Amino acid sequence: MLSTGLATLAGIVFSIYTQAGYALAGVGVELDAIASVVIGGTLLSGGVGTVLGTLFGVAIQGLIQTYINFDGTLSSWWTKIAIGILLFIFIALQRGLTVLWENRQSSPVTRVGH
């Protein structure tokens, strides 16, 4: 119920932002949404992540897009390329940290003393 309401609100806000009710206006925005969440620290496997982390991811992505748009010498496609590279780096980093954590959890603990 909450998800439906928020999705409806997001659709209305996006329609106002684009000043059109065109159904295909949001094509390609999926990468931006997923990248913002992953850059913010949410694992794709779920269970880990915060809203503040997601807001951090949105801020990072916004800074990249703003820099590329205001630079003037780069094509707008560089935004998608930069976000894709950043997404790949963060997914690889998350995977590496997950494997490291699993190895640490499965290693036997030895007692010193007594």
C-alpha atoms as a PDB file:
ATOM      1  CA  MET A   1       0.000   0.000   0.000  1.00  0.00           C
ATOM      2  CA  LEU A   2       2.763   2.442   0.951  1.00  0.00           C
ATOM      3  CA  SER A   3       4.825   1.459  -2.088  1.00  0.00           C
ATOM      4  CA  THR A   4       1.858   2.022  -4.395  1.00  0.00           C
ATOM      5  CA  GLY A   5       1.192   5.441  -2.929  1.00  0.00           C
ATOM      6  CA  LEU A   6       4.814   6.514  -3.204  1.00  0.00           C
ATOM      7  CA  ALA A   7       5.062   5.216  -6.780  1.00  0.00           C
ATOM      8  CA  THR A   8       1.943   7.191  -7.677  1.00  0.00           C
ATOM      9  CA  LEU A   9       3.371  10.313  -6.070  1.00  0.00           C
ATOM     10  CA  ALA A  10       6.665   9.815  -7.926  1.00  0.00           C
ATOM     11  CA  GLY A  11       4.785   9.467 -11.218  1.00  0.00           C
ATOM     12  CA  ILE A  12       2.857  12.664 -10.602  1.00  0.00           C
ATOM     13  CA  VAL A  13       6.001  14.577  -9.651  1.00  0.00           C
ATOM     14  CA  PHE A  14       7.828  13.243 -12.728  1.00  0.00           C
ATOM     15  CA  SER A  15       4.909  14.268 -14.975  1.00  0.00           C
ATOM     16  CA  ILE A  16       5.006  17.770 -13.523  1.00  0.00           C
ATOM     17  CA  TYR A  17       8.801  17.879 -13.941  1.00  0.00           C
ATOM     18  CA  THR A  18       8.680  16.805 -17.600  1.00  0.00           C
ATOM     19  CA  GLN A  19       5.482  18.801 -18.227  1.00  0.00           C
ATOM     20  CA  ALA A  20       4.036  15.838 -20.097  1.00  0.00           C
ATOM     21  CA  GLY A  21       2.164  12.636 -19.420  1.00  0.00           C
ATOM     22  CA  TYR A  22       4.223  10.644 -21.907  1.00  0.00           C
ATOM     23  CA  ALA A  23       4.545   7.043 -20.702  1.00  0.00           C
ATOM     24  CA  LEU A  24       8.031   6.520 -22.160  1.00  0.00           C
ATOM     25  CA  ALA A  25       9.516   9.680 -20.629  1.00  0.00           C
ATOM     26  CA  GLY A  26      11.176   7.670 -17.864  1.00  0.00           C
ATOM     27  CA  VAL A  27      12.920   5.124 -20.069  1.00  0.00           C
ATOM     28  CA  GLY A  28      16.556   4.930 -19.020  1.00  0.00           C
ATOM     29  CA  VAL A  29      15.985   6.323 -15.542  1.00  0.00           C
ATOM     30  CA  GLU A  30      16.211   2.800 -14.094  1.00  0.00           C
ATOM     31  CA  LEU A  31      20.015   2.818 -14.278  1.00  0.00           C
ATOM     32  CA  ASP A  32      20.112   6.108 -12.403  1.00  0.00           C
ATOM     33  CA  ALA A  33      17.848   4.802  -9.646  1.00  0.00           C
ATOM     34  CA  ILE A  34      19.735   1.530  -9.211  1.00  0.00           C
ATOM     35  CA  ALA A  35      23.104   3.290  -9.344  1.00  0.00           C
ATOM     36  CA  SER A  36      22.069   5.810  -6.684  1.00  0.00           C
ATOM     37  CA  VAL A  37      20.989   3.066  -4.318  1.00  0.00           C
ATOM     38  CA  VAL A  38      24.096   0.919  -4.878  1.00  0.00           C
ATOM     39  CA  ILE A  39      26.489   3.875  -4.620  1.00  0.00           C
ATOM     40  CA  GLY A  40      24.740   4.732  -1.364  1.00  0.00           C
ATOM     41  CA  GLY A  41      25.726   1.379   0.109  1.00  0.00           C
ATOM     42  CA  THR A  42      22.679  -0.832  -0.354  1.00  0.00           C
ATOM     43  CA  LEU A  43      23.616  -4.393  -1.282  1.00  0.00           C
ATOM     44  CA  LEU A  44      21.910  -5.823  -4.350  1.00  0.00           C
ATOM     45  CA  SER A  45      21.314  -9.002  -2.362  1.00  0.00           C
ATOM     46  CA  GLY A  46      19.288  -6.946   0.119  1.00  0.00           C
ATOM     47  CA  GLY A  47      19.254  -6.558   3.860  1.00  0.00           C
ATOM     48  CA  VAL A  48      21.901  -3.846   4.100  1.00  0.00           C
ATOM     49  CA  GLY A  49      21.472  -0.154   3.396  1.00  0.00           C
ATOM     50  CA  THR A  50      20.005   3.061   4.717  1.00  0.00           C
ATOM     51  CA  VAL A  51      17.982   5.956   3.388  1.00  0.00           C
ATOM     52  CA  LEU A  52      20.838   8.335   4.219  1.00  0.00           C
ATOM     53  CA  GLY A  53      23.174   6.165   2.166  1.00  0.00           C
ATOM     54  CA  THR A  54      20.778   6.350  -0.766  1.00  0.00           C
ATOM     55  CA  LEU A  55      20.613  10.139  -0.426  1.00  0.00           C
ATOM     56  CA  PHE A  56      24.424  10.151  -0.481  1.00  0.00           C
ATOM     57  CA  GLY A  57      24.317   8.099  -3.695  1.00  0.00           C
ATOM     58  CA  VAL A  58      21.841  10.540  -5.240  1.00  0.00           C
ATOM     59  CA  ALA A  59      24.123  13.444  -4.285  1.00  0.00           C
ATOM     60  CA  ILE A  60      27.181  11.775  -5.836  1.00  0.00           C
ATOM     61  CA  GLN A  61      25.278  11.008  -9.020  1.00  0.00           C
ATOM     62  CA  GLY A  62      23.920  14.555  -9.146  1.00  0.00           C
ATOM     63  CA  LEU A  63      27.418  15.984  -8.791  1.00  0.00           C
ATOM     64  CA  ILE A  64      28.664  13.838 -11.668  1.00  0.00           C
ATOM     65  CA  GLN A  65      25.762  14.835 -13.911  1.00  0.00           C
ATOM     66  CA  THR A  66      26.106  18.512 -13.024  1.00  0.00           C
ATOM     67  CA  TYR A  67      29.839  18.518 -13.712  1.00  0.00           C
ATOM     68  CA  ILE A  68      29.450  16.827 -17.089  1.00  0.00           C
ATOM     69  CA  ASN A  69      26.577  19.116 -18.123  1.00  0.00           C
ATOM     70  CA  PHE A  70      28.318  22.330 -17.064  1.00  0.00           C
ATOM     71  CA  ASP A  71      31.723  21.314 -18.425  1.00  0.00           C
ATOM     72  CA  GLY A  72      30.450  21.802 -21.943  1.00  0.00           C
ATOM     73  CA  THR A  73      33.201  19.808 -23.642  1.00  0.00           C
ATOM     74  CA  LEU A  74      31.802  16.364 -22.832  1.00  0.00           C
ATOM     75  CA  SER A  75      28.856  14.651 -24.462  1.00  0.00           C
ATOM     76  CA  SER A  76      25.857  13.847 -22.279  1.00  0.00           C
ATOM     77  CA  TRP A  77      26.597  10.152 -22.898  1.00  0.00           C
ATOM     78  CA  TRP A  78      29.586  10.494 -20.591  1.00  0.00           C
ATOM     79  CA  THR A  79      27.132  10.805 -17.717  1.00  0.00           C
ATOM     80  CA  LYS A  80      25.811   7.288 -18.340  1.00  0.00           C
ATOM     81  CA  ILE A  81      29.331   5.959 -18.886  1.00  0.00           C
ATOM     82  CA  ALA A  82      30.613   7.500 -15.641  1.00  0.00           C
ATOM     83  CA  ILE A  83      27.611   6.220 -13.667  1.00  0.00           C
ATOM     84  CA  GLY A  84      28.037   2.748 -15.197  1.00  0.00           C
ATOM     85  CA  ILE A  85      31.723   2.631 -14.277  1.00  0.00           C
ATOM     86  CA  LEU A  86      30.966   3.853 -10.762  1.00  0.00           C
ATOM     87  CA  LEU A  87      28.195   1.261 -10.445  1.00  0.00           C
ATOM     88  CA  PHE A  88      30.581  -1.504 -11.537  1.00  0.00           C
ATOM     89  CA  ILE A  89      33.223  -0.363  -9.037  1.00  0.00           C
ATOM     90  CA  PHE A  90      30.760  -0.269  -6.153  1.00  0.00           C
ATOM     91  CA  ILE A  91      29.280  -3.680  -7.012  1.00  0.00           C
ATOM     92  CA  ALA A  92      32.788  -5.190  -7.162  1.00  0.00           C
ATOM     93  CA  LEU A  93      33.682  -3.490  -3.875  1.00  0.00           C
ATOM     94  CA  GLN A  94      30.510  -4.778  -2.209  1.00  0.00           C
ATOM     95  CA  ARG A  95      31.151  -8.284  -3.485  1.00  0.00           C
ATOM     96  CA  GLY A  96      34.734  -8.202  -2.217  1.00  0.00           C
ATOM     97  CA  LEU A  97      33.634  -6.986   1.205  1.00  0.00           C
ATOM     98  CA  THR A  98      30.916  -9.657   1.359  1.00  0.00           C
ATOM     99  CA  VAL A  99      33.418 -12.430   0.556  1.00  0.00           C
ATOM    100  CA  LEU A 100      35.849 -11.016   3.120  1.00  0.00           C
ATOM    101  CA  TRP A 101      33.085 -10.906   5.753  1.00  0.00           C
ATOM    102  CA  GLU A 102      31.984 -14.481   4.987  1.00  0.00           C
ATOM    103  CA  ASN A 103      35.576 -15.722   5.258  1.00  0.00           C
ATOM    104  CA  ARG A 104      36.001 -13.938   8.560  1.00  0.00           C
ATOM    105  CA  GLN A 105      32.753 -15.433   9.913  1.00  0.00           C
ATOM    106  CA  SER A 106      33.607 -18.988   8.852  1.00  0.00           C
ATOM    107  CA  SER A 107      37.176 -19.027  10.201  1.00  0.00           C
ATOM    108  CA  PRO A 108      37.519 -20.805  13.572  1.00  0.00           C
ATOM    109  CA  VAL A 109      38.094 -18.683  16.633  1.00  0.00           C
ATOM    110  CA  THR A 110      41.011 -19.765  18.801  1.00  0.00           C
ATOM    111  CA  ARG A 111      41.117 -18.943  22.466  1.00  0.00           C
ATOM    112  CA  VAL A 112      44.270 -17.539  23.946  1.00  0.00           C
ATOM    113  CA  GLY A 113      44.931 -18.100  27.625  1.00  0.00           C
ATOM    114  CA  HIS A 114      43.039 -20.287  30.131  1.00  0.00           C
END
